[in-house]
PDB file of N, CA and C in Angstrom:
ATOM      1  N   MET A   1       0.911  -1.096   0.048  1.00  0.00           N
ATOM      2  CA  MET A   1      -0.143  -0.145  -0.099  1.00  0.00           C
ATOM      3  C   MET A   1       0.861   1.274  -0.261  1.00  0.00           C
ATOM      4  N   PRO A   2       0.410   2.148  -1.148  1.00  0.00           N
ATOM      5  CA  PRO A   2       1.158   3.116  -0.905  1.00  0.00           C
ATOM      6  C   PRO A   2       1.285   4.252   0.134  1.00  0.00           C
ATOM      7  N   HIS A   3       2.410   5.203   0.419  1.00  0.00           N
ATOM      8  CA  HIS A   3       1.901   5.974   1.719  1.00  0.00           C
ATOM      9  C   HIS A   3       1.477   6.973   1.217  1.00  0.00           C
ATOM     10  N   ARG A   4       0.428   7.815   1.948  1.00  0.00           N
ATOM     11  CA  ARG A   4       0.089   9.118   1.509  1.00  0.00           C
ATOM     12  C   ARG A   4       0.108  10.259   2.283  1.00  0.00           C
ATOM     13  N   VAL A   5       0.215  11.332   1.977  1.00  0.00           N
ATOM     14  CA  VAL A   5       0.263  12.419   3.172  1.00  0.00           C
ATOM     15  C   VAL A   5      -0.899  13.349   2.841  1.00  0.00           C
ATOM     16  N   LEU A   6      -1.280  13.648   3.998  1.00  0.00           N
ATOM     17  CA  LEU A   6      -2.483  14.136   4.245  1.00  0.00           C
ATOM     18  C   LEU A   6      -2.377  15.516   5.295  1.00  0.00           C
ATOM     19  N   ASP A   7      -3.078  16.521   4.900  1.00  0.00           N
ATOM     20  CA  ASP A   7      -2.802  17.617   5.965  1.00  0.00           C
ATOM     21  C   ASP A   7      -4.083  17.334   6.998  1.00  0.00           C
ATOM     22  N   ASN A   8      -3.349  17.894   8.066  1.00  0.00           N
ATOM     23  CA  ASN A   8      -4.452  17.956   9.173  1.00  0.00           C
ATOM     24  C   ASN A   8      -4.226  19.054  10.168  1.00  0.00           C
ATOM     25  N   PRO A   9      -5.445  20.029   9.569  1.00  0.00           N
ATOM     26  CA  PRO A   9      -5.184  21.179   9.755  1.00  0.00           C
ATOM     27  C   PRO A   9      -5.699  21.475  11.493  1.00  0.00           C
ATOM     28  N   GLN A  10      -6.240  20.691  11.756  1.00  0.00           N
ATOM     29  CA  GLN A  10      -6.371  20.656  13.228  1.00  0.00           C
ATOM     30  C   GLN A  10      -5.234  20.645  14.152  1.00  0.00           C
ATOM     31  N   ASN A  11      -4.322  19.862  13.724  1.00  0.00           N
ATOM     32  CA  ASN A  11      -2.750  19.892  14.290  1.00  0.00           C
ATOM     33  C   ASN A  11      -2.035  20.208  13.799  1.00  0.00           C
ATOM     34  N   CYS A  12      -2.244  21.197  12.748  1.00  0.00           N
ATOM     35  CA  CYS A  12      -1.350  22.013  12.103  1.00  0.00           C
ATOM     36  C   CYS A  12      -0.194  21.492  11.596  1.00  0.00           C
ATOM     37  N   ARG A  13      -0.270  20.303  11.028  1.00  0.00           N
ATOM     38  CA  ARG A  13       0.651  19.222  10.322  1.00  0.00           C
ATOM     39  C   ARG A  13       0.375  18.807   9.411  1.00  0.00           C
ATOM     40  N   PHE A  14       1.426  18.157   8.261  1.00  0.00           N
ATOM     41  CA  PHE A  14       1.058  17.490   7.340  1.00  0.00           C
ATOM     42  C   PHE A  14       1.488  15.787   7.756  1.00  0.00           C
ATOM     43  N   GLU A  15       0.742  14.782   7.789  1.00  0.00           N
ATOM     44  CA  GLU A  15       1.008  13.418   8.312  1.00  0.00           C
ATOM     45  C   GLU A  15       1.475  12.774   7.018  1.00  0.00           C
ATOM     46  N   LEU A  16       2.349  11.556   7.091  1.00  0.00           N
ATOM     47  CA  LEU A  16       2.487  10.316   6.545  1.00  0.00           C
ATOM     48  C   LEU A  16       2.619   9.167   7.488  1.00  0.00           C
ATOM     49  N   SER A  17       1.308   8.401   7.234  1.00  0.00           N
ATOM     50  CA  SER A  17       1.331   7.349   7.983  1.00  0.00           C
ATOM     51  C   SER A  17       2.644   6.197   7.578  1.00  0.00           C
ATOM     52  N   ILE A  18       3.425   5.588   8.594  1.00  0.00           N
ATOM     53  CA  ILE A  18       4.399   4.931   8.265  1.00  0.00           C
ATOM     54  C   ILE A  18       3.519   3.254   8.474  1.00  0.00           C
ATOM     55  N   ASP A  19       2.462   3.007   9.852  1.00  0.00           N
ATOM     56  CA  ASP A  19       2.167   2.212  10.049  1.00  0.00           C
ATOM     57  C   ASP A  19       0.931   2.386  11.288  1.00  0.00           C
ATOM     58  N   ALA A  20       0.733   0.930  11.615  1.00  0.00           N
ATOM     59  CA  ALA A  20      -0.569   1.280  12.645  1.00  0.00           C
ATOM     60  C   ALA A  20      -0.146   2.581  14.057  1.00  0.00           C
ATOM     61  N   ASP A  21       1.009   2.432  14.247  1.00  0.00           N
ATOM     62  CA  ASP A  21       1.493   3.084  15.290  1.00  0.00           C
ATOM     63  C   ASP A  21       2.480   4.331  15.143  1.00  0.00           C
ATOM     64  N   ALA A  22       2.742   4.535  13.861  1.00  0.00           N
ATOM     65  CA  ALA A  22       4.202   5.766  13.652  1.00  0.00           C
ATOM     66  C   ALA A  22       3.799   6.642  12.663  1.00  0.00           C
ATOM     67  N   VAL A  23       3.907   7.736  12.893  1.00  0.00           N
ATOM     68  CA  VAL A  23       3.576   8.922  11.970  1.00  0.00           C
ATOM     69  C   VAL A  23       4.837   9.886  11.588  1.00  0.00           C
ATOM     70  N   ALA A  24       5.107  10.013  10.530  1.00  0.00           N
ATOM     71  CA  ALA A  24       6.180  11.147  10.198  1.00  0.00           C
ATOM     72  C   ALA A  24       5.148  12.578   9.776  1.00  0.00           C
ATOM     73  N   ALA A  25       5.585  13.402  10.416  1.00  0.00           N
ATOM     74  CA  ALA A  25       4.831  14.633  10.380  1.00  0.00           C
ATOM     75  C   ALA A  25       5.798  15.981  10.338  1.00  0.00           C
ATOM     76  N   ALA A  26       5.232  17.119   9.358  1.00  0.00           N
ATOM     77  CA  ALA A  26       5.455  18.362   9.154  1.00  0.00           C
ATOM     78  C   ALA A  26       4.891  19.392   9.700  1.00  0.00           C
ATOM     79  N   TYR A  27       5.270  19.836  10.790  1.00  0.00           N
ATOM     80  CA  TYR A  27       4.432  20.786  11.525  1.00  0.00           C
ATOM     81  C   TYR A  27       4.456  22.428  10.621  1.00  0.00           C
ATOM     82  N   TYR A  28       3.309  22.924  10.707  1.00  0.00           N
ATOM     83  CA  TYR A  28       3.106  24.237  10.206  1.00  0.00           C
ATOM     84  C   TYR A  28       2.448  25.210  10.664  1.00  0.00           C
ATOM     85  N   ARG A  29       2.838  26.484  10.660  1.00  0.00           N
ATOM     86  CA  ARG A  29       1.761  27.837  10.851  1.00  0.00           C
ATOM     87  C   ARG A  29       1.269  28.489  10.231  1.00  0.00           C
ATOM     88  N   LYS A  30       0.612  29.119   9.961  1.00  0.00           N
ATOM     89  CA  LYS A  30      -0.006  30.320   8.705  1.00  0.00           C
ATOM     90  C   LYS A  30       0.467  31.807   9.342  1.00  0.00           C
ATOM     91  N   GLU A  31       0.957  32.111   8.396  1.00  0.00           N
ATOM     92  CA  GLU A  31       1.112  33.709   8.744  1.00  0.00           C
ATOM     93  C   GLU A  31       1.178  34.548   7.480  1.00  0.00           C
ATOM     94  N   ALA A  32       0.086  35.348   7.194  1.00  0.00           N
ATOM     95  CA  ALA A  32      -0.369  36.197   6.336  1.00  0.00           C
ATOM     96  C   ALA A  32      -0.515  35.549   4.899  1.00  0.00           C
ATOM     97  N   GLY A  33      -1.165  34.253   5.146  1.00  0.00           N
ATOM     98  CA  GLY A  33      -1.560  33.467   3.731  1.00  0.00           C
ATOM     99  C   GLY A  33      -0.306  32.634   3.451  1.00  0.00           C
ATOM    100  N   VAL A  34       0.783  32.557   4.310  1.00  0.00           N
ATOM    101  CA  VAL A  34       1.820  32.003   3.884  1.00  0.00           C
ATOM    102  C   VAL A  34       2.120  30.918   4.702  1.00  0.00           C
ATOM    103  N   LEU A  35       2.371  29.567   4.535  1.00  0.00           N
ATOM    104  CA  LEU A  35       2.675  28.242   5.294  1.00  0.00           C
ATOM    105  C   LEU A  35       3.864  28.433   5.557  1.00  0.00           C
ATOM    106  N   VAL A  36       3.955  28.287   6.740  1.00  0.00           N
ATOM    107  CA  VAL A  36       5.504  28.590   7.378  1.00  0.00           C
ATOM    108  C   VAL A  36       5.642  27.106   7.769  1.00  0.00           C
ATOM    109  N   LEU A  37       6.600  26.229   7.146  1.00  0.00           N
ATOM    110  CA  LEU A  37       6.811  24.937   7.569  1.00  0.00           C
ATOM    111  C   LEU A  37       8.129  25.365   8.643  1.00  0.00           C
ATOM    112  N   ILE A  38       7.665  24.581   9.977  1.00  0.00           N
ATOM    113  CA  ILE A  38       8.920  24.999  11.518  1.00  0.00           C
ATOM    114  C   ILE A  38       9.443  23.604  11.528  1.00  0.00           C
ATOM    115  N   HIS A  39       8.834  22.476  11.236  1.00  0.00           N
ATOM    116  CA  HIS A  39       9.821  21.203  11.870  1.00  0.00           C
ATOM    117  C   HIS A  39       9.209  20.050  11.122  1.00  0.00           C
ATOM    118  N   THR A  40      10.193  18.939  11.110  1.00  0.00           N
ATOM    119  CA  THR A  40       9.738  17.518  10.686  1.00  0.00           C
ATOM    120  C   THR A  40      10.024  16.711  11.566  1.00  0.00           C
ATOM    121  N   GLU A  41       9.346  15.884  11.817  1.00  0.00           N
ATOM    122  CA  GLU A  41       9.766  14.666  12.866  1.00  0.00           C
ATOM    123  C   GLU A  41       9.380  13.199  11.934  1.00  0.00           C
ATOM    124  N   VAL A  42      10.541  12.373  11.889  1.00  0.00           N
ATOM    125  CA  VAL A  42      10.072  11.043  11.785  1.00  0.00           C
ATOM    126  C   VAL A  42      10.348  10.079  12.875  1.00  0.00           C
ATOM    127  N   PRO A  43       9.831   9.051  13.332  1.00  0.00           N
ATOM    128  CA  PRO A  43      10.172   8.193  14.621  1.00  0.00           C
ATOM    129  C   PRO A  43      11.609   7.818  14.354  1.00  0.00           C
ATOM    130  N   PHE A  44      12.226   7.607  15.311  1.00  0.00           N
ATOM    131  CA  PHE A  44      13.525   7.282  15.266  1.00  0.00           C
ATOM    132  C   PHE A  44      13.779   6.109  14.873  1.00  0.00           C
ATOM    133  N   GLU A  45      13.134   5.176  15.018  1.00  0.00           N
ATOM    134  CA  GLU A  45      13.149   3.811  14.427  1.00  0.00           C
ATOM    135  C   GLU A  45      13.046   3.594  12.862  1.00  0.00           C
ATOM    136  N   TYR A  46      12.604   4.680  12.540  1.00  0.00           N
ATOM    137  CA  TYR A  46      12.409   4.783  10.927  1.00  0.00           C
ATOM    138  C   TYR A  46      13.301   5.927  10.119  1.00  0.00           C
ATOM    139  N   SER A  47      14.464   6.627  10.929  1.00  0.00           N
ATOM    140  CA  SER A  47      14.933   7.402  10.399  1.00  0.00           C
ATOM    141  C   SER A  47      15.916   6.725   9.362  1.00  0.00           C
ATOM    142  N   GLY A  48      16.050   7.519   8.600  1.00  0.00           N
ATOM    143  CA  GLY A  48      17.137   6.857   7.586  1.00  0.00           C
ATOM    144  C   GLY A  48      16.622   6.220   6.196  1.00  0.00           C
ATOM    145  N   ALA A  49      15.125   5.998   6.442  1.00  0.00           N
ATOM    146  CA  ALA A  49      14.352   5.056   5.589  1.00  0.00           C
ATOM    147  C   ALA A  49      13.545   5.908   4.526  1.00  0.00           C
ATOM    148  N   GLY A  50      13.546   7.203   4.537  1.00  0.00           N
ATOM    149  CA  GLY A  50      13.487   7.839   3.286  1.00  0.00           C
ATOM    150  C   GLY A  50      11.825   8.191   3.610  1.00  0.00           C
ATOM    151  N   PHE A  51      11.216   8.409   4.851  1.00  0.00           N
ATOM    152  CA  PHE A  51      10.087   8.883   5.120  1.00  0.00           C
ATOM    153  C   PHE A  51       9.749  10.152   5.149  1.00  0.00           C
ATOM    154  N   ALA A  52      10.866  10.842   5.560  1.00  0.00           N
ATOM    155  CA  ALA A  52      10.733  12.277   5.581  1.00  0.00           C
ATOM    156  C   ALA A  52      10.856  12.726   3.952  1.00  0.00           C
ATOM    157  N   THR A  53      11.789  12.234   3.041  1.00  0.00           N
ATOM    158  CA  THR A  53      11.131  12.556   1.787  1.00  0.00           C
ATOM    159  C   THR A  53      10.380  12.265   1.039  1.00  0.00           C
ATOM    160  N   LYS A  54       9.299  11.292   1.440  1.00  0.00           N
ATOM    161  CA  LYS A  54       8.259  10.969   1.137  1.00  0.00           C
ATOM    162  C   LYS A  54       7.233  12.042   1.315  1.00  0.00           C
ATOM    163  N   LEU A  55       7.431  12.128   2.576  1.00  0.00           N
ATOM    164  CA  LEU A  55       6.321  13.773   3.471  1.00  0.00           C
ATOM    165  C   LEU A  55       7.002  14.473   2.416  1.00  0.00           C
ATOM    166  N   ALA A  56       7.760  15.081   2.087  1.00  0.00           N
ATOM    167  CA  ALA A  56       8.297  16.381   1.863  1.00  0.00           C
ATOM    168  C   ALA A  56       7.774  16.082   0.107  1.00  0.00           C
ATOM    169  N   ASN A  57       7.859  15.276  -0.612  1.00  0.00           N
ATOM    170  CA  ASN A  57       7.307  14.778  -1.826  1.00  0.00           C
ATOM    171  C   ASN A  57       5.736  15.333  -1.792  1.00  0.00           C
ATOM    172  N   GLY A  58       5.303  14.341  -1.134  1.00  0.00           N
ATOM    173  CA  GLY A  58       3.509  14.589  -0.777  1.00  0.00           C
ATOM    174  C   GLY A  58       3.172  16.001  -0.667  1.00  0.00           C
ATOM    175  N   LEU A  59       3.833  16.613   0.393  1.00  0.00           N
ATOM    176  CA  LEU A  59       3.503  17.767   0.963  1.00  0.00           C
ATOM    177  C   LEU A  59       3.551  19.076  -0.073  1.00  0.00           C
ATOM    178  N   PHE A  60       4.968  18.605  -1.022  1.00  0.00           N
ATOM    179  CA  PHE A  60       4.959  19.779  -1.963  1.00  0.00           C
ATOM    180  C   PHE A  60       3.959  19.705  -2.997  1.00  0.00           C
ATOM    181  N   ALA A  61       3.685  18.469  -3.196  1.00  0.00           N
ATOM    182  CA  ALA A  61       2.336  18.461  -4.396  1.00  0.00           C
ATOM    183  C   ALA A  61       1.387  18.868  -3.825  1.00  0.00           C
ATOM    184  N   ILE A  62       1.119  18.648  -2.389  1.00  0.00           N
ATOM    185  CA  ILE A  62      -0.526  19.274  -1.987  1.00  0.00           C
ATOM    186  C   ILE A  62      -0.211  20.665  -2.331  1.00  0.00           C
ATOM    187  N   LEU A  63       0.939  21.449  -1.841  1.00  0.00           N
ATOM    188  CA  LEU A  63       0.986  22.838  -1.674  1.00  0.00           C
ATOM    189  C   LEU A  63       0.840  23.529  -3.341  1.00  0.00           C
ATOM    190  N   ARG A  64       1.800  22.688  -4.481  1.00  0.00           N
ATOM    191  CA  ARG A  64       1.513  23.065  -5.627  1.00  0.00           C
ATOM    192  C   ARG A  64      -0.208  23.120  -6.360  1.00  0.00           C
ATOM    193  N   GLU A  65      -0.779  22.073  -5.834  1.00  0.00           N
ATOM    194  CA  GLU A  65      -2.095  21.851  -6.333  1.00  0.00           C
ATOM    195  C   GLU A  65      -2.628  22.975  -5.871  1.00  0.00           C
ATOM    196  N   ARG A  66      -2.633  23.209  -4.316  1.00  0.00           N
ATOM    197  CA  ARG A  66      -2.997  24.643  -3.929  1.00  0.00           C
ATOM    198  C   ARG A  66      -2.692  25.756  -4.202  1.00  0.00           C
ATOM    199  N   GLN A  67      -1.546  25.967  -4.916  1.00  0.00           N
ATOM    200  CA  GLN A  67      -1.010  27.261  -5.119  1.00  0.00           C
ATOM    201  C   GLN A  67      -0.598  27.907  -3.896  1.00  0.00           C
ATOM    202  N   GLN A  68      -0.256  27.159  -3.011  1.00  0.00           N
ATOM    203  CA  GLN A  68       0.029  27.702  -1.547  1.00  0.00           C
ATOM    204  C   GLN A  68       1.566  28.308  -1.397  1.00  0.00           C
ATOM    205  N   LYS A  69       1.614  29.474  -1.046  1.00  0.00           N
ATOM    206  CA  LYS A  69       2.770  29.662  -0.935  1.00  0.00           C
ATOM    207  C   LYS A  69       3.563  29.263   0.477  1.00  0.00           C
ATOM    208  N   VAL A  70       4.927  29.119   0.315  1.00  0.00           N
ATOM    209  CA  VAL A  70       5.495  28.254   1.783  1.00  0.00           C
ATOM    210  C   VAL A  70       6.911  28.842   1.950  1.00  0.00           C
ATOM    211  N   ALA A  71       7.248  28.931   3.260  1.00  0.00           N
ATOM    212  CA  ALA A  71       8.137  29.532   3.706  1.00  0.00           C
ATOM    213  C   ALA A  71       8.833  28.402   4.755  1.00  0.00           C
ATOM    214  N   PRO A  72       9.668  27.515   3.886  1.00  0.00           N
ATOM    215  CA  PRO A  72      10.541  26.133   4.597  1.00  0.00           C
ATOM    216  C   PRO A  72      11.437  26.869   5.543  1.00  0.00           C
ATOM    217  N   ARG A  73      10.909  26.903   6.882  1.00  0.00           N
ATOM    218  CA  ARG A  73      12.289  27.097   7.980  1.00  0.00           C
ATOM    219  C   ARG A  73      12.757  26.283   8.777  1.00  0.00           C
ATOM    220  N   CYS A  74      12.402  24.955   8.463  1.00  0.00           N
ATOM    221  CA  CYS A  74      12.766  23.562   9.000  1.00  0.00           C
ATOM    222  C   CYS A  74      13.935  23.378   7.912  1.00  0.00           C
ATOM    223  N   VAL A  75      14.912  23.030   8.510  1.00  0.00           N
ATOM    224  CA  VAL A  75      16.121  22.730   7.822  1.00  0.00           C
ATOM    225  C   VAL A  75      15.866  21.676   6.707  1.00  0.00           C
ATOM    226  N   PHE A  76      15.065  20.720   6.982  1.00  0.00           N
ATOM    227  CA  PHE A  76      15.046  19.386   6.323  1.00  0.00           C
ATOM    228  C   PHE A  76      14.129  20.042   4.953  1.00  0.00           C
ATOM    229  N   MET A  77      12.934  20.856   5.328  1.00  0.00           N
ATOM    230  CA  MET A  77      12.392  21.324   4.087  1.00  0.00           C
ATOM    231  C   MET A  77      12.960  22.301   3.347  1.00  0.00           C
ATOM    232  N   ALA A  78      13.934  23.306   3.769  1.00  0.00           N
ATOM    233  CA  ALA A  78      14.607  24.125   3.614  1.00  0.00           C
ATOM    234  C   ALA A  78      15.327  23.586   2.171  1.00  0.00           C
ATOM    235  N   ASN A  79      16.192  22.362   2.688  1.00  0.00           N
ATOM    236  CA  ASN A  79      16.824  21.739   2.166  1.00  0.00           C
ATOM    237  C   ASN A  79      16.493  20.742   0.740  1.00  0.00           C
ATOM    238  N   TYR A  80      15.134  20.266   0.972  1.00  0.00           N
ATOM    239  CA  TYR A  80      14.362  19.725  -0.066  1.00  0.00           C
ATOM    240  C   TYR A  80      13.857  20.746  -1.103  1.00  0.00           C
ATOM    241  N   ALA A  81      13.289  22.076  -0.369  1.00  0.00           N
ATOM    242  CA  ALA A  81      13.178  22.988  -1.675  1.00  0.00           C
ATOM    243  C   ALA A  81      14.092  23.220  -2.451  1.00  0.00           C
ATOM    244  N   VAL A  82      15.239  23.720  -2.147  1.00  0.00           N
ATOM    245  CA  VAL A  82      16.577  23.857  -2.806  1.00  0.00           C
ATOM    246  C   VAL A  82      16.805  22.908  -3.753  1.00  0.00           C
ATOM    247  N   GLN A  83      16.559  21.636  -3.801  1.00  0.00           N
ATOM    248  CA  GLN A  83      16.926  20.535  -4.285  1.00  0.00           C
ATOM    249  C   GLN A  83      15.855  20.244  -5.446  1.00  0.00           C
ATOM    250  N   HIS A  84      14.650  20.921  -5.123  1.00  0.00           N
ATOM    251  CA  HIS A  84      13.611  20.740  -6.159  1.00  0.00           C
ATOM    252  C   HIS A  84      13.205  21.842  -6.720  1.00  0.00           C
ATOM    253  N   PRO A  85      13.786  22.765  -7.734  1.00  0.00           N
ATOM    254  CA  PRO A  85      13.708  23.831  -8.017  1.00  0.00           C
ATOM    255  C   PRO A  85      12.299  24.178  -8.800  1.00  0.00           C
ATOM    256  N   GLU A  86      11.625  22.818  -9.088  1.00  0.00           N
ATOM    257  CA  GLU A  86      10.386  23.212  -9.449  1.00  0.00           C
ATOM    258  C   GLU A  86       9.221  23.594  -8.921  1.00  0.00           C
ATOM    259  N   TYR A  87       9.735  23.854  -7.679  1.00  0.00           N
ATOM    260  CA  TYR A  87       8.723  24.475  -6.370  1.00  0.00           C
ATOM    261  C   TYR A  87       8.973  25.806  -6.298  1.00  0.00           C
ATOM    262  N   SER A  88      10.184  26.590  -6.742  1.00  0.00           N
ATOM    263  CA  SER A  88      10.693  28.058  -6.548  1.00  0.00           C
ATOM    264  C   SER A  88       9.694  28.779  -6.938  1.00  0.00           C
ATOM    265  N   ASP A  89       8.810  28.680  -7.216  1.00  0.00           N
ATOM    266  CA  ASP A  89       7.491  29.613  -7.524  1.00  0.00           C
ATOM    267  C   ASP A  89       6.799  29.931  -6.287  1.00  0.00           C
ATOM    268  N   LEU A  90       6.702  28.502  -5.365  1.00  0.00           N
ATOM    269  CA  LEU A  90       5.816  28.546  -4.137  1.00  0.00           C
ATOM    270  C   LEU A  90       6.935  29.362  -2.977  1.00  0.00           C
ATOM    271  N   ILE A  91       7.870  29.215  -3.271  1.00  0.00           N
ATOM    272  CA  ILE A  91       8.775  29.733  -1.998  1.00  0.00           C
ATOM    273  C   ILE A  91       9.046  31.132  -1.926  1.00  0.00           C
ATOM    274  N   CYS A  92       8.552  31.062  -0.357  1.00  0.00           N
ATOM    275  CA  CYS A  92       8.734  32.853  -0.170  1.00  0.00           C
ATOM    276  C   CYS A  92       9.920  33.029   0.727  1.00  0.00           C
TER     277      CYS A  92
END
């Protein structure tokens, strides 16, 4: 089953379910119409397995679909944005 990224606005985070008990998450806040990515978490036992990248892929695809401006303040997401210039028009 493919992993799917979902926006959970109640918890201000994008989520990628890893298994029944584990979730990778990218936390955000909204500032003047811009989504500010502030922190990315992957459970320790899954670190290095590519889940943060899968989360970023799905998250940026959602933002592209919404044409949502984003300010990646989280180091991981900022590096992802630099490595994926196809999203440069969304970056603030």
